[in-house]
Amino acid sequence: MRKFMKKALALALGVVVAVPVLGVVFYQRQQRLLRESPFLQEMDSLVARNDFGAVTQRLIEKAATADKGESRLISVWLRKHAIEGNFPALYFTSLFHTTQGRLEEAGKWYSAAALVARIDAARSSDASAGGAPMVIEAMFSKTKSHLAARPAERKAAARWALEYEEKNKERPVARWILQHGIKAFSGGVQSVPDAEWQAARSRIRGEFEQSFGRN
């Protein structure tokens, strides 16, 4: 019995040591793949040039051809850019979870994208900027249908989205939304005063909780 206990303890200690080591190995491999990916090298180059229109276009194109492995890497890359506001990274994070077949995770990121985009649109003095979320959400019929058929999952996704938005409430102004408005073409787009935006933010969060999180 004592010999068995010693072996069990040794095995348990081995697992405790091995798990962090495997985690480090996995992380290092993932970072190497991110650096070596030709597509993500292209994305980094476009970001460095502030060519966010091209970033958006290339992500749309890649979503049609990426396999699960590449989609996983792109999702990791997108999360690094999620709250910068330069392009709809949250929506694309959802899209590339869909291409992995991870529809529950895709639903969470879609819900967060929808909430954040609406709140960010309220930051613009140009009401027409509010059409930006609807344009990109036309690509997400599969995700929306998945959530609509699963009320419990939809409510969980809504809670996750509200927590995500609160955690990242100090994010920059969403450039991709502001530039969608009509005034952007005449250089007249501005952000509304912060107090006005915070009031809109509270209202939108309440409406979102009622609509996306309903039974």
C-alpha atoms as a PDB file:
ATOM      1  CA  MET A   1       0.000   0.000   0.000  1.00  0.00           C
ATOM      2  CA  ARG A   2       2.822   2.371   0.923  1.00  0.00           C
ATOM      3  CA  LYS A   3       4.592   1.610  -2.351  1.00  0.00           C
ATOM      4  CA  PHE A   4       1.364   2.334  -4.244  1.00  0.00           C
ATOM      5  CA  MET A   5       0.951   5.663  -2.421  1.00  0.00           C
ATOM      6  CA  LYS A   6       4.511   6.659  -3.304  1.00  0.00           C
ATOM      7  CA  LYS A   7       3.925   5.890  -6.962  1.00  0.00           C
ATOM      8  CA  ALA A   8       0.640   7.813  -6.956  1.00  0.00           C
ATOM      9  CA  LEU A   9       2.314  10.808  -5.314  1.00  0.00           C
ATOM     10  CA  ALA A  10       5.176  10.712  -7.807  1.00  0.00           C
ATOM     11  CA  LEU A  11       2.700  10.537 -10.680  1.00  0.00           C
ATOM     12  CA  ALA A  12       0.706  13.457  -9.298  1.00  0.00           C
ATOM     13  CA  LEU A  13       3.850  15.551  -8.868  1.00  0.00           C
ATOM     14  CA  GLY A  14       4.891  14.667 -12.396  1.00  0.00           C
ATOM     15  CA  VAL A  15       1.564  15.910 -13.741  1.00  0.00           C
ATOM     16  CA  VAL A  16       1.860  19.147 -11.748  1.00  0.00           C
ATOM     17  CA  VAL A  17       5.289  19.771 -13.266  1.00  0.00           C
ATOM     18  CA  ALA A  18       4.388  18.639 -16.775  1.00  0.00           C
ATOM     19  CA  VAL A  19       1.270  20.776 -17.255  1.00  0.00           C
ATOM     20  CA  PRO A  20       3.039  24.176 -16.967  1.00  0.00           C
ATOM     21  CA  VAL A  21       5.902  22.904 -19.115  1.00  0.00           C
ATOM     22  CA  LEU A  22       3.495  21.760 -21.823  1.00  0.00           C
ATOM     23  CA  GLY A  23       1.739  25.119 -21.576  1.00  0.00           C
ATOM     24  CA  VAL A  24       5.022  26.949 -22.186  1.00  0.00           C
ATOM     25  CA  VAL A  25       5.890  24.650 -25.088  1.00  0.00           C
ATOM     26  CA  PHE A  26       2.452  25.186 -26.651  1.00  0.00           C
ATOM     27  CA  TYR A  27       2.690  28.976 -26.219  1.00  0.00           C
ATOM     28  CA  GLN A  28       6.169  29.107 -27.754  1.00  0.00           C
ATOM     29  CA  ARG A  29       5.044  26.998 -30.709  1.00  0.00           C
ATOM     30  CA  GLN A  30       1.994  29.211 -31.195  1.00  0.00           C
ATOM     31  CA  GLN A  31       4.098  32.370 -31.145  1.00  0.00           C
ATOM     32  CA  ARG A  32       6.494  30.866 -33.692  1.00  0.00           C
ATOM     33  CA  LEU A  33       3.598  29.974 -35.998  1.00  0.00           C
ATOM     34  CA  LEU A  34       2.198  33.492 -35.645  1.00  0.00           C
ATOM     35  CA  ARG A  35       5.559  34.962 -36.660  1.00  0.00           C
ATOM     36  CA  GLU A  36       6.025  32.570 -39.557  1.00  0.00           C
ATOM     37  CA  SER A  37       2.523  32.775 -41.058  1.00  0.00           C
ATOM     38  CA  PRO A  38       2.754  34.525 -44.473  1.00  0.00           C
ATOM     39  CA  PHE A  39      -0.815  35.787 -44.117  1.00  0.00           C
ATOM     40  CA  LEU A  40      -0.225  37.276 -40.666  1.00  0.00           C
ATOM     41  CA  GLN A  41       3.039  38.814 -41.849  1.00  0.00           C
ATOM     42  CA  GLU A  42       0.969  40.490 -44.555  1.00  0.00           C
ATOM     43  CA  MET A  43      -1.568  41.630 -41.935  1.00  0.00           C
ATOM     44  CA  ASP A  44       1.154  43.073 -39.706  1.00  0.00           C
ATOM     45  CA  SER A  45       2.538  44.977 -42.696  1.00  0.00           C
ATOM     46  CA  LEU A  46      -0.904  46.416 -43.537  1.00  0.00           C
ATOM     47  CA  VAL A  47      -1.468  47.431 -39.906  1.00  0.00           C
ATOM     48  CA  ALA A  48       1.941  49.120 -39.801  1.00  0.00           C
ATOM     49  CA  ARG A  49       0.915  51.136 -42.873  1.00  0.00           C
ATOM     50  CA  ASN A  50      -2.485  51.986 -41.324  1.00  0.00           C
ATOM     51  CA  ASP A  51      -4.159  50.388 -44.339  1.00  0.00           C
ATOM     52  CA  PHE A  52      -7.140  49.089 -42.388  1.00  0.00           C
ATOM     53  CA  GLY A  53      -9.413  48.938 -45.405  1.00  0.00           C
ATOM     54  CA  ALA A  54      -7.043  46.373 -46.906  1.00  0.00           C
ATOM     55  CA  VAL A  55      -6.904  44.523 -43.572  1.00  0.00           C
ATOM     56  CA  THR A  56     -10.686  44.201 -43.594  1.00  0.00           C
ATOM     57  CA  GLN A  57     -10.824  43.087 -47.224  1.00  0.00           C
ATOM     58  CA  ARG A  58      -8.098  40.462 -46.788  1.00  0.00           C
ATOM     59  CA  LEU A  59      -9.774  39.031 -43.686  1.00  0.00           C
ATOM     60  CA  ILE A  60     -13.053  38.669 -45.566  1.00  0.00           C
ATOM     61  CA  GLU A  61     -11.223  36.864 -48.371  1.00  0.00           C
ATOM     62  CA  LYS A  62      -9.263  34.632 -46.005  1.00  0.00           C
ATOM     63  CA  ALA A  63     -12.395  33.536 -44.116  1.00  0.00           C
ATOM     64  CA  ALA A  64     -13.537  31.765 -47.291  1.00  0.00           C
ATOM     65  CA  THR A  65     -10.371  29.643 -47.576  1.00  0.00           C
ATOM     66  CA  ALA A  66      -8.757  29.261 -44.126  1.00  0.00           C
ATOM     67  CA  ASP A  67      -8.672  25.791 -42.579  1.00  0.00           C
ATOM     68  CA  LYS A  68      -9.142  25.184 -38.842  1.00  0.00           C
ATOM     69  CA  GLY A  69      -5.462  25.517 -37.985  1.00  0.00           C
ATOM     70  CA  GLU A  70      -5.006  28.795 -39.812  1.00  0.00           C
ATOM     71  CA  SER A  71      -8.317  30.109 -38.456  1.00  0.00           C
ATOM     72  CA  ARG A  72      -7.103  29.383 -34.925  1.00  0.00           C
ATOM     73  CA  LEU A  73      -3.929  31.401 -35.485  1.00  0.00           C
ATOM     74  CA  ILE A  74      -5.849  34.286 -37.052  1.00  0.00           C
ATOM     75  CA  SER A  75      -8.200  34.326 -34.042  1.00  0.00           C
ATOM     76  CA  VAL A  76      -5.213  34.710 -31.724  1.00  0.00           C
ATOM     77  CA  TRP A  77      -3.856  37.562 -33.863  1.00  0.00           C
ATOM     78  CA  LEU A  78      -7.249  39.268 -33.943  1.00  0.00           C
ATOM     79  CA  ARG A  79      -7.598  39.215 -30.160  1.00  0.00           C
ATOM     80  CA  LYS A  80      -4.416  41.298 -29.951  1.00  0.00           C
ATOM     81  CA  HIS A  81      -6.170  43.996 -32.012  1.00  0.00           C
ATOM     82  CA  ALA A  82      -9.676  43.555 -30.595  1.00  0.00           C
ATOM     83  CA  ILE A  83     -10.154  46.896 -28.835  1.00  0.00           C
ATOM     84  CA  GLU A  84      -7.974  49.175 -30.948  1.00  0.00           C
ATOM     85  CA  GLY A  85     -10.978  50.224 -33.042  1.00  0.00           C
ATOM     86  CA  ASN A  86      -9.100  50.446 -36.335  1.00  0.00           C
ATOM     87  CA  PHE A  87     -11.078  47.671 -38.039  1.00  0.00           C
ATOM     88  CA  PRO A  88     -13.912  45.338 -36.900  1.00  0.00           C
ATOM     89  CA  ALA A  89     -11.592  42.883 -35.153  1.00  0.00           C
ATOM     90  CA  LEU A  90     -14.226  41.608 -32.718  1.00  0.00           C
ATOM     91  CA  TYR A  91     -16.542  40.618 -35.550  1.00  0.00           C
ATOM     92  CA  PHE A  92     -13.712  38.883 -37.361  1.00  0.00           C
ATOM     93  CA  THR A  93     -12.741  37.038 -34.181  1.00  0.00           C
ATOM     94  CA  SER A  94     -16.255  35.604 -34.197  1.00  0.00           C
ATOM     95  CA  LEU A  95     -16.047  34.795 -37.896  1.00  0.00           C
ATOM     96  CA  PHE A  96     -12.800  32.848 -37.541  1.00  0.00           C
ATOM     97  CA  HIS A  97     -14.195  30.883 -34.618  1.00  0.00           C
ATOM     98  CA  THR A  98     -17.032  29.924 -36.956  1.00  0.00           C
ATOM     99  CA  THR A  99     -14.565  28.667 -39.564  1.00  0.00           C
ATOM    100  CA  GLN A 100     -13.092  26.474 -36.809  1.00  0.00           C
ATOM    101  CA  GLY A 101     -16.544  25.037 -36.122  1.00  0.00           C
ATOM    102  CA  ARG A 102     -16.579  26.609 -32.640  1.00  0.00           C
ATOM    103  CA  LEU A 103     -20.051  28.117 -32.862  1.00  0.00           C
ATOM    104  CA  GLU A 104     -20.590  28.676 -29.142  1.00  0.00           C
ATOM    105  CA  GLU A 105     -17.364  30.664 -28.909  1.00  0.00           C
ATOM    106  CA  ALA A 106     -18.278  32.482 -32.129  1.00  0.00           C
ATOM    107  CA  GLY A 107     -21.580  33.476 -30.537  1.00  0.00           C
ATOM    108  CA  LYS A 108     -19.819  35.032 -27.557  1.00  0.00           C
ATOM    109  CA  TRP A 109     -17.513  37.124 -29.720  1.00  0.00           C
ATOM    110  CA  TYR A 110     -20.365  38.110 -32.037  1.00  0.00           C
ATOM    111  CA  SER A 111     -22.411  39.296 -29.056  1.00  0.00           C
ATOM    112  CA  ALA A 112     -19.458  41.305 -27.744  1.00  0.00           C
ATOM    113  CA  ALA A 113     -18.858  42.771 -31.206  1.00  0.00           C
ATOM    114  CA  ALA A 114     -22.508  43.787 -31.567  1.00  0.00           C
ATOM    115  CA  LEU A 115     -22.600  45.459 -28.151  1.00  0.00           C
ATOM    116  CA  VAL A 116     -19.252  47.244 -28.467  1.00  0.00           C
ATOM    117  CA  ALA A 117     -20.025  48.445 -32.001  1.00  0.00           C
ATOM    118  CA  ARG A 118     -23.333  49.997 -30.977  1.00  0.00           C
ATOM    119  CA  ILE A 119     -21.790  51.743 -28.008  1.00  0.00           C
ATOM    120  CA  ASP A 120     -18.882  52.931 -30.139  1.00  0.00           C
ATOM    121  CA  ALA A 121     -21.274  54.248 -32.797  1.00  0.00           C
ATOM    122  CA  ALA A 122     -22.925  56.404 -30.122  1.00  0.00           C
ATOM    123  CA  ARG A 123     -19.563  58.098 -29.643  1.00  0.00           C
ATOM    124  CA  SER A 124     -19.787  59.702 -33.067  1.00  0.00           C
ATOM    125  CA  SER A 125     -21.442  63.067 -33.710  1.00  0.00           C
ATOM    126  CA  ASP A 126     -22.555  61.637 -37.066  1.00  0.00           C
ATOM    127  CA  ALA A 127     -25.716  59.557 -36.663  1.00  0.00           C
ATOM    128  CA  SER A 128     -25.091  57.845 -40.004  1.00  0.00           C
ATOM    129  CA  ALA A 129     -22.056  56.100 -38.477  1.00  0.00           C
ATOM    130  CA  GLY A 130     -24.529  53.895 -36.631  1.00  0.00           C
ATOM    131  CA  GLY A 131     -25.094  51.927 -39.826  1.00  0.00           C
ATOM    132  CA  ALA A 132     -21.611  50.387 -39.673  1.00  0.00           C
ATOM    133  CA  PRO A 133     -22.537  47.434 -37.419  1.00  0.00           C
ATOM    134  CA  MET A 134     -25.534  46.469 -39.568  1.00  0.00           C
ATOM    135  CA  VAL A 135     -23.382  46.340 -42.702  1.00  0.00           C
ATOM    136  CA  ILE A 136     -20.928  43.816 -41.299  1.00  0.00           C
ATOM    137  CA  GLU A 137     -23.559  41.830 -39.390  1.00  0.00           C
ATOM    138  CA  ALA A 138     -25.064  40.794 -42.723  1.00  0.00           C
ATOM    139  CA  MET A 139     -22.167  38.297 -42.878  1.00  0.00           C
ATOM    140  CA  PHE A 140     -23.259  36.519 -39.691  1.00  0.00           C
ATOM    141  CA  SER A 141     -26.531  34.778 -40.546  1.00  0.00           C
ATOM    142  CA  LYS A 142     -25.145  31.406 -39.389  1.00  0.00           C
ATOM    143  CA  THR A 143     -24.071  32.773 -36.010  1.00  0.00           C
ATOM    144  CA  LYS A 144     -27.331  34.658 -35.498  1.00  0.00           C
ATOM    145  CA  SER A 145     -29.365  31.553 -36.356  1.00  0.00           C
ATOM    146  CA  HIS A 146     -27.244  29.475 -33.969  1.00  0.00           C
ATOM    147  CA  LEU A 147     -27.896  31.889 -31.099  1.00  0.00           C
ATOM    148  CA  ALA A 148     -31.593  32.308 -31.914  1.00  0.00           C
ATOM    149  CA  ALA A 149     -32.107  28.539 -31.637  1.00  0.00           C
ATOM    150  CA  ARG A 150     -30.357  28.322 -28.247  1.00  0.00           C
ATOM    151  CA  PRO A 151     -31.822  30.764 -25.690  1.00  0.00           C
ATOM    152  CA  ALA A 152     -29.598  29.648 -22.800  1.00  0.00           C
ATOM    153  CA  GLU A 153     -26.474  29.987 -24.919  1.00  0.00           C
ATOM    154  CA  ARG A 154     -27.641  33.378 -26.177  1.00  0.00           C
ATOM    155  CA  LYS A 155     -28.152  34.630 -22.615  1.00  0.00           C
ATOM    156  CA  ALA A 156     -24.705  33.371 -21.580  1.00  0.00           C
ATOM    157  CA  ALA A 157     -23.170  35.085 -24.608  1.00  0.00           C
ATOM    158  CA  ALA A 158     -24.956  38.342 -23.717  1.00  0.00           C
ATOM    159  CA  ARG A 159     -23.613  38.211 -20.150  1.00  0.00           C
ATOM    160  CA  TRP A 160     -20.117  37.539 -21.467  1.00  0.00           C
ATOM    161  CA  ALA A 161     -20.430  40.459 -23.900  1.00  0.00           C
ATOM    162  CA  LEU A 162     -21.525  42.855 -21.146  1.00  0.00           C
ATOM    163  CA  GLU A 163     -18.591  41.786 -18.978  1.00  0.00           C
ATOM    164  CA  TYR A 164     -16.182  42.129 -21.902  1.00  0.00           C
ATOM    165  CA  GLU A 165     -17.386  45.633 -22.753  1.00  0.00           C
ATOM    166  CA  GLU A 166     -17.162  46.743 -19.123  1.00  0.00           C
ATOM    167  CA  LYS A 167     -13.650  45.328 -18.794  1.00  0.00           C
ATOM    168  CA  ASN A 168     -12.569  47.256 -21.917  1.00  0.00           C
ATOM    169  CA  LYS A 169     -14.568  50.449 -21.365  1.00  0.00           C
ATOM    170  CA  GLU A 170     -11.434  52.640 -21.658  1.00  0.00           C
ATOM    171  CA  ARG A 171     -10.907  51.606 -25.285  1.00  0.00           C
ATOM    172  CA  PRO A 172      -9.990  54.115 -28.018  1.00  0.00           C
ATOM    173  CA  VAL A 173     -12.556  55.698 -30.330  1.00  0.00           C
ATOM    174  CA  ALA A 174     -13.561  53.171 -32.999  1.00  0.00           C
ATOM    175  CA  ARG A 175     -12.014  54.510 -36.180  1.00  0.00           C
ATOM    176  CA  TRP A 176     -13.748  51.961 -38.428  1.00  0.00           C
ATOM    177  CA  ILE A 177     -17.169  53.156 -37.248  1.00  0.00           C
ATOM    178  CA  LEU A 178     -16.463  56.890 -37.352  1.00  0.00           C
ATOM    179  CA  GLN A 179     -15.177  56.587 -40.911  1.00  0.00           C
ATOM    180  CA  HIS A 180     -18.390  54.864 -42.013  1.00  0.00           C
ATOM    181  CA  GLY A 181     -20.453  58.004 -41.458  1.00  0.00           C
ATOM    182  CA  ILE A 182     -21.278  60.532 -44.169  1.00  0.00           C
ATOM    183  CA  LYS A 183     -19.468  63.351 -42.372  1.00  0.00           C
ATOM    184  CA  ALA A 184     -16.209  61.409 -42.550  1.00  0.00           C
ATOM    185  CA  PHE A 185     -16.008  62.269 -46.252  1.00  0.00           C
ATOM    186  CA  SER A 186     -16.107  65.995 -45.516  1.00  0.00           C
ATOM    187  CA  GLY A 187     -13.813  65.850 -42.486  1.00  0.00           C
ATOM    188  CA  GLY A 188     -16.578  66.929 -40.112  1.00  0.00           C
ATOM    189  CA  VAL A 189     -16.825  63.822 -37.915  1.00  0.00           C
ATOM    190  CA  GLN A 190     -16.172  64.309 -34.196  1.00  0.00           C
ATOM    191  CA  SER A 191     -16.648  62.443 -30.936  1.00  0.00           C
ATOM    192  CA  VAL A 192     -19.478  63.565 -28.668  1.00  0.00           C
ATOM    193  CA  PRO A 193     -18.645  64.814 -25.140  1.00  0.00           C
ATOM    194  CA  ASP A 194     -17.758  61.968 -22.798  1.00  0.00           C
ATOM    195  CA  ALA A 195     -20.696  62.586 -20.436  1.00  0.00           C
ATOM    196  CA  GLU A 196     -23.101  62.276 -23.371  1.00  0.00           C
ATOM    197  CA  TRP A 197     -21.417  59.101 -24.533  1.00  0.00           C
ATOM    198  CA  GLN A 198     -21.477  57.546 -21.061  1.00  0.00           C
ATOM    199  CA  ALA A 199     -25.216  58.188 -20.827  1.00  0.00           C
ATOM    200  CA  ALA A 200     -25.710  56.543 -24.226  1.00  0.00           C
ATOM    201  CA  ARG A 201     -23.458  53.676 -23.160  1.00  0.00           C
ATOM    202  CA  SER A 202     -25.614  52.943 -20.100  1.00  0.00           C
ATOM    203  CA  ARG A 203     -28.783  53.041 -22.183  1.00  0.00           C
ATOM    204  CA  ILE A 204     -27.405  50.759 -24.902  1.00  0.00           C
ATOM    205  CA  ARG A 205     -26.117  48.240 -22.370  1.00  0.00           C
ATOM    206  CA  GLY A 206     -29.597  48.093 -20.817  1.00  0.00           C
ATOM    207  CA  GLU A 207     -31.295  47.640 -24.189  1.00  0.00           C
ATOM    208  CA  PHE A 208     -28.775  44.982 -25.178  1.00  0.00           C
ATOM    209  CA  GLU A 209     -29.336  43.021 -21.986  1.00  0.00           C
ATOM    210  CA  GLN A 210     -33.086  43.040 -22.594  1.00  0.00           C
ATOM    211  CA  SER A 211     -32.990  42.116 -26.286  1.00  0.00           C
ATOM    212  CA  PHE A 212     -29.991  39.778 -26.628  1.00  0.00           C
ATOM    213  CA  GLY A 213     -30.400  38.210 -23.198  1.00  0.00           C
ATOM    214  CA  ARG A 214     -34.152  37.611 -23.248  1.00  0.00           C
ATOM    215  CA  ASN A 215     -35.609  34.129 -22.881  1.00  0.00           C
END
